[in-house]
Amino acid sequence: MTTTMEAPDLRYEIVLYWSNDDDAYIAEVPELPGCLSDGETHAEAAANAEEAMRAWIGAARELGREVPVPKGRRLHFA
């Protein structure tokens, strides 16, 4: 029997910023702890973040861990 895995919902907030230390744009996904990527441009960092989200979600599913539902709104930081 073959089972197909549901495509992940990637509507997570992505925070993009320039890092002088890394000499690159950084893309962080706050709702997925440790999920981040980088790139030479905003677009590249965002595209890499999508790939990182898919990997994060895939690993969580394989380990039987909960995958947070995207909040679909801007996070608030204190």
N, C-alpha and C. Protein backbone atom coordinates (compact mmCIF):
# COMPACT_ATOMS: atom_id res chain seq x y z
N MET A 1 0.84 -1.17 0.00
CA MET A 1 0.00 0.00 0.00
C MET A 1 0.89 1.24 0.00
N THR A 2 0.59 2.17 -0.86
CA THR A 2 1.35 3.41 -0.96
C THR A 2 0.54 4.53 -0.34
N THR A 3 1.23 5.32 0.50
CA THR A 3 0.56 6.49 1.07
C THR A 3 1.27 7.73 0.56
N THR A 4 0.48 8.76 0.33
CA THR A 4 1.07 10.02 -0.10
C THR A 4 1.02 10.99 1.06
N MET A 5 2.08 11.72 1.24
CA MET A 5 2.13 12.69 2.30
C MET A 5 1.56 14.01 1.80
N GLU A 6 0.73 14.58 2.61
CA GLU A 6 0.12 15.87 2.27
C GLU A 6 1.20 16.94 2.12
N ALA A 7 1.04 17.76 1.11
CA ALA A 7 1.99 18.87 0.89
C ALA A 7 1.92 19.82 2.08
N PRO A 8 3.07 20.29 2.55
CA PRO A 8 3.05 21.17 3.72
C PRO A 8 2.49 22.55 3.40
N ASP A 9 1.81 23.12 4.40
CA ASP A 9 1.31 24.49 4.31
C ASP A 9 2.47 25.40 4.68
N LEU A 10 2.92 26.22 3.77
CA LEU A 10 4.10 27.06 3.99
C LEU A 10 3.77 28.53 4.24
N ARG A 11 2.58 28.81 4.77
CA ARG A 11 2.19 30.20 4.98
C ARG A 11 2.72 30.76 6.30
N TYR A 12 3.98 30.49 6.58
CA TYR A 12 4.62 31.00 7.79
C TYR A 12 5.24 32.36 7.51
N GLU A 13 5.34 33.15 8.55
CA GLU A 13 6.02 34.44 8.43
C GLU A 13 7.52 34.19 8.23
N ILE A 14 8.12 34.95 7.33
CA ILE A 14 9.56 34.90 7.09
C ILE A 14 10.10 36.29 7.41
N VAL A 15 11.11 36.35 8.27
CA VAL A 15 11.76 37.61 8.62
C VAL A 15 13.07 37.67 7.85
N LEU A 16 13.20 38.67 6.98
CA LEU A 16 14.40 38.85 6.16
C LEU A 16 15.20 40.03 6.66
N TYR A 17 16.52 39.85 6.76
CA TYR A 17 17.38 40.96 7.16
C TYR A 17 18.81 40.70 6.67
N TRP A 18 19.58 41.78 6.60
CA TRP A 18 20.98 41.69 6.18
C TRP A 18 21.85 41.38 7.40
N SER A 19 22.80 40.47 7.25
CA SER A 19 23.74 40.14 8.31
C SER A 19 25.15 40.53 7.86
N ASN A 20 25.74 41.50 8.55
CA ASN A 20 27.12 41.87 8.25
C ASN A 20 28.08 40.72 8.59
N ASP A 21 27.78 39.99 9.66
CA ASP A 21 28.64 38.87 10.06
C ASP A 21 28.70 37.78 8.99
N ASP A 22 27.55 37.52 8.35
CA ASP A 22 27.48 36.47 7.33
C ASP A 22 27.66 37.01 5.92
N ASP A 23 27.64 38.33 5.78
CA ASP A 23 27.72 38.97 4.47
C ASP A 23 26.65 38.40 3.53
N ALA A 24 25.44 38.27 4.07
CA ALA A 24 24.33 37.68 3.31
C ALA A 24 23.01 38.13 3.93
N TYR A 25 21.94 37.95 3.15
CA TYR A 25 20.59 38.14 3.68
C TYR A 25 20.21 36.87 4.43
N ILE A 26 19.58 37.04 5.58
CA ILE A 26 19.14 35.92 6.41
C ILE A 26 17.62 35.89 6.37
N ALA A 27 17.07 34.70 6.26
CA ALA A 27 15.61 34.50 6.29
C ALA A 27 15.31 33.56 7.45
N GLU A 28 14.60 34.07 8.46
CA GLU A 28 14.24 33.26 9.62
C GLU A 28 12.74 32.98 9.59
N VAL A 29 12.36 31.79 10.05
CA VAL A 29 10.96 31.40 10.16
C VAL A 29 10.69 31.20 11.65
N PRO A 30 10.25 32.25 12.36
CA PRO A 30 10.12 32.19 13.82
C PRO A 30 9.21 31.09 14.34
N GLU A 31 8.20 30.72 13.60
CA GLU A 31 7.26 29.69 14.08
C GLU A 31 7.84 28.28 14.01
N LEU A 32 8.96 28.12 13.28
CA LEU A 32 9.61 26.82 13.17
C LEU A 32 11.01 26.97 13.78
N PRO A 33 11.17 26.67 15.06
CA PRO A 33 12.43 26.91 15.75
C PRO A 33 13.65 26.35 15.01
N GLY A 34 14.64 27.21 14.82
CA GLY A 34 15.86 26.81 14.15
C GLY A 34 15.79 26.81 12.64
N CYS A 35 14.65 27.17 12.08
CA CYS A 35 14.48 27.16 10.63
C CYS A 35 14.91 28.50 10.07
N LEU A 36 16.04 28.49 9.36
CA LEU A 36 16.52 29.72 8.73
C LEU A 36 17.37 29.36 7.53
N SER A 37 17.61 30.35 6.72
CA SER A 37 18.42 30.17 5.52
C SER A 37 19.10 31.50 5.21
N ASP A 38 19.88 31.49 4.14
CA ASP A 38 20.51 32.73 3.72
C ASP A 38 20.56 32.80 2.21
N GLY A 39 21.01 33.93 1.71
CA GLY A 39 21.13 34.12 0.27
C GLY A 39 21.81 35.43 -0.04
N GLU A 40 22.27 35.56 -1.28
CA GLU A 40 22.94 36.79 -1.70
C GLU A 40 21.94 37.92 -1.92
N THR A 41 20.66 37.58 -2.15
CA THR A 41 19.60 38.58 -2.36
C THR A 41 18.41 38.22 -1.48
N HIS A 42 17.48 39.20 -1.33
CA HIS A 42 16.23 38.91 -0.61
C HIS A 42 15.53 37.71 -1.23
N ALA A 43 15.43 37.73 -2.57
CA ALA A 43 14.70 36.67 -3.28
C ALA A 43 15.35 35.30 -3.06
N GLU A 44 16.66 35.25 -3.10
CA GLU A 44 17.35 33.98 -2.90
C GLU A 44 17.17 33.47 -1.47
N ALA A 45 17.27 34.37 -0.50
CA ALA A 45 17.08 33.99 0.89
C ALA A 45 15.66 33.48 1.12
N ALA A 46 14.66 34.15 0.53
CA ALA A 46 13.27 33.72 0.68
C ALA A 46 13.03 32.36 0.02
N ALA A 47 13.60 32.15 -1.17
CA ALA A 47 13.46 30.86 -1.85
C ALA A 47 14.13 29.76 -1.03
N ASN A 48 15.29 30.06 -0.47
CA ASN A 48 15.98 29.08 0.37
C ASN A 48 15.19 28.80 1.65
N ALA A 49 14.49 29.82 2.16
CA ALA A 49 13.66 29.63 3.35
C ALA A 49 12.53 28.65 3.06
N GLU A 50 11.95 28.72 1.87
CA GLU A 50 10.89 27.78 1.51
C GLU A 50 11.43 26.34 1.52
N GLU A 51 12.61 26.16 0.98
CA GLU A 51 13.24 24.84 0.99
C GLU A 51 13.53 24.39 2.42
N ALA A 52 14.00 25.33 3.26
CA ALA A 52 14.28 25.00 4.66
C ALA A 52 13.00 24.63 5.41
N MET A 53 11.89 25.33 5.12
CA MET A 53 10.61 25.00 5.76
C MET A 53 10.17 23.58 5.39
N ARG A 54 10.29 23.23 4.12
CA ARG A 54 9.91 21.89 3.68
C ARG A 54 10.77 20.83 4.40
N ALA A 55 12.07 21.10 4.53
CA ALA A 55 12.95 20.16 5.22
C ALA A 55 12.60 20.07 6.71
N TRP A 56 12.33 21.20 7.34
CA TRP A 56 11.98 21.24 8.76
C TRP A 56 10.70 20.44 9.01
N ILE A 57 9.69 20.70 8.19
CA ILE A 57 8.40 20.01 8.34
C ILE A 57 8.56 18.52 8.06
N GLY A 58 9.31 18.17 7.03
CA GLY A 58 9.54 16.76 6.72
C GLY A 58 10.23 16.03 7.86
N ALA A 59 11.25 16.65 8.45
CA ALA A 59 11.97 16.04 9.57
C ALA A 59 11.05 15.89 10.78
N ALA A 60 10.25 16.92 11.06
CA ALA A 60 9.32 16.85 12.20
C ALA A 60 8.33 15.71 12.01
N ARG A 61 7.79 15.57 10.82
CA ARG A 61 6.84 14.49 10.54
C ARG A 61 7.49 13.12 10.70
N GLU A 62 8.71 12.99 10.18
CA GLU A 62 9.42 11.70 10.29
C GLU A 62 9.66 11.32 11.75
N LEU A 63 9.89 12.32 12.59
CA LEU A 63 10.15 12.08 14.01
C LEU A 63 8.87 12.02 14.84
N GLY A 64 7.73 12.19 14.18
CA GLY A 64 6.45 12.15 14.89
C GLY A 64 6.20 13.37 15.75
N ARG A 65 6.84 14.47 15.41
CA ARG A 65 6.66 15.71 16.18
C ARG A 65 5.57 16.57 15.55
N GLU A 66 5.00 17.41 16.38
CA GLU A 66 3.94 18.30 15.93
C GLU A 66 4.50 19.39 15.02
N VAL A 67 3.78 19.67 13.96
CA VAL A 67 4.12 20.77 13.05
C VAL A 67 3.14 21.90 13.34
N PRO A 68 3.64 23.08 13.74
CA PRO A 68 2.74 24.18 14.05
C PRO A 68 1.92 24.61 12.84
N VAL A 69 0.68 24.95 13.10
CA VAL A 69 -0.18 25.49 12.05
C VAL A 69 0.24 26.94 11.84
N PRO A 70 0.45 27.38 10.59
CA PRO A 70 0.84 28.77 10.36
C PRO A 70 -0.19 29.73 10.94
N LYS A 71 0.27 30.77 11.62
CA LYS A 71 -0.64 31.74 12.22
C LYS A 71 -1.29 32.64 11.18
N GLY A 72 -0.62 32.84 10.05
CA GLY A 72 -1.21 33.64 8.99
C GLY A 72 -1.30 35.11 9.33
N ARG A 73 -0.54 35.53 10.31
CA ARG A 73 -0.52 36.95 10.68
C ARG A 73 0.85 37.27 11.24
N ARG A 74 1.14 38.54 11.29
CA ARG A 74 2.45 38.96 11.77
C ARG A 74 2.59 38.62 13.24
N LEU A 75 3.76 38.07 13.59
CA LEU A 75 4.07 37.78 14.98
C LEU A 75 4.41 39.07 15.71
N HIS A 76 4.20 39.09 16.99
CA HIS A 76 4.54 40.26 17.80
C HIS A 76 5.67 39.89 18.73
N PHE A 77 6.70 40.71 18.73
CA PHE A 77 7.84 40.48 19.59
C PHE A 77 7.84 41.49 20.72
N ALA A 78 8.17 41.04 21.91
CA ALA A 78 8.21 41.95 23.07
C ALA A 78 9.60 42.49 23.26
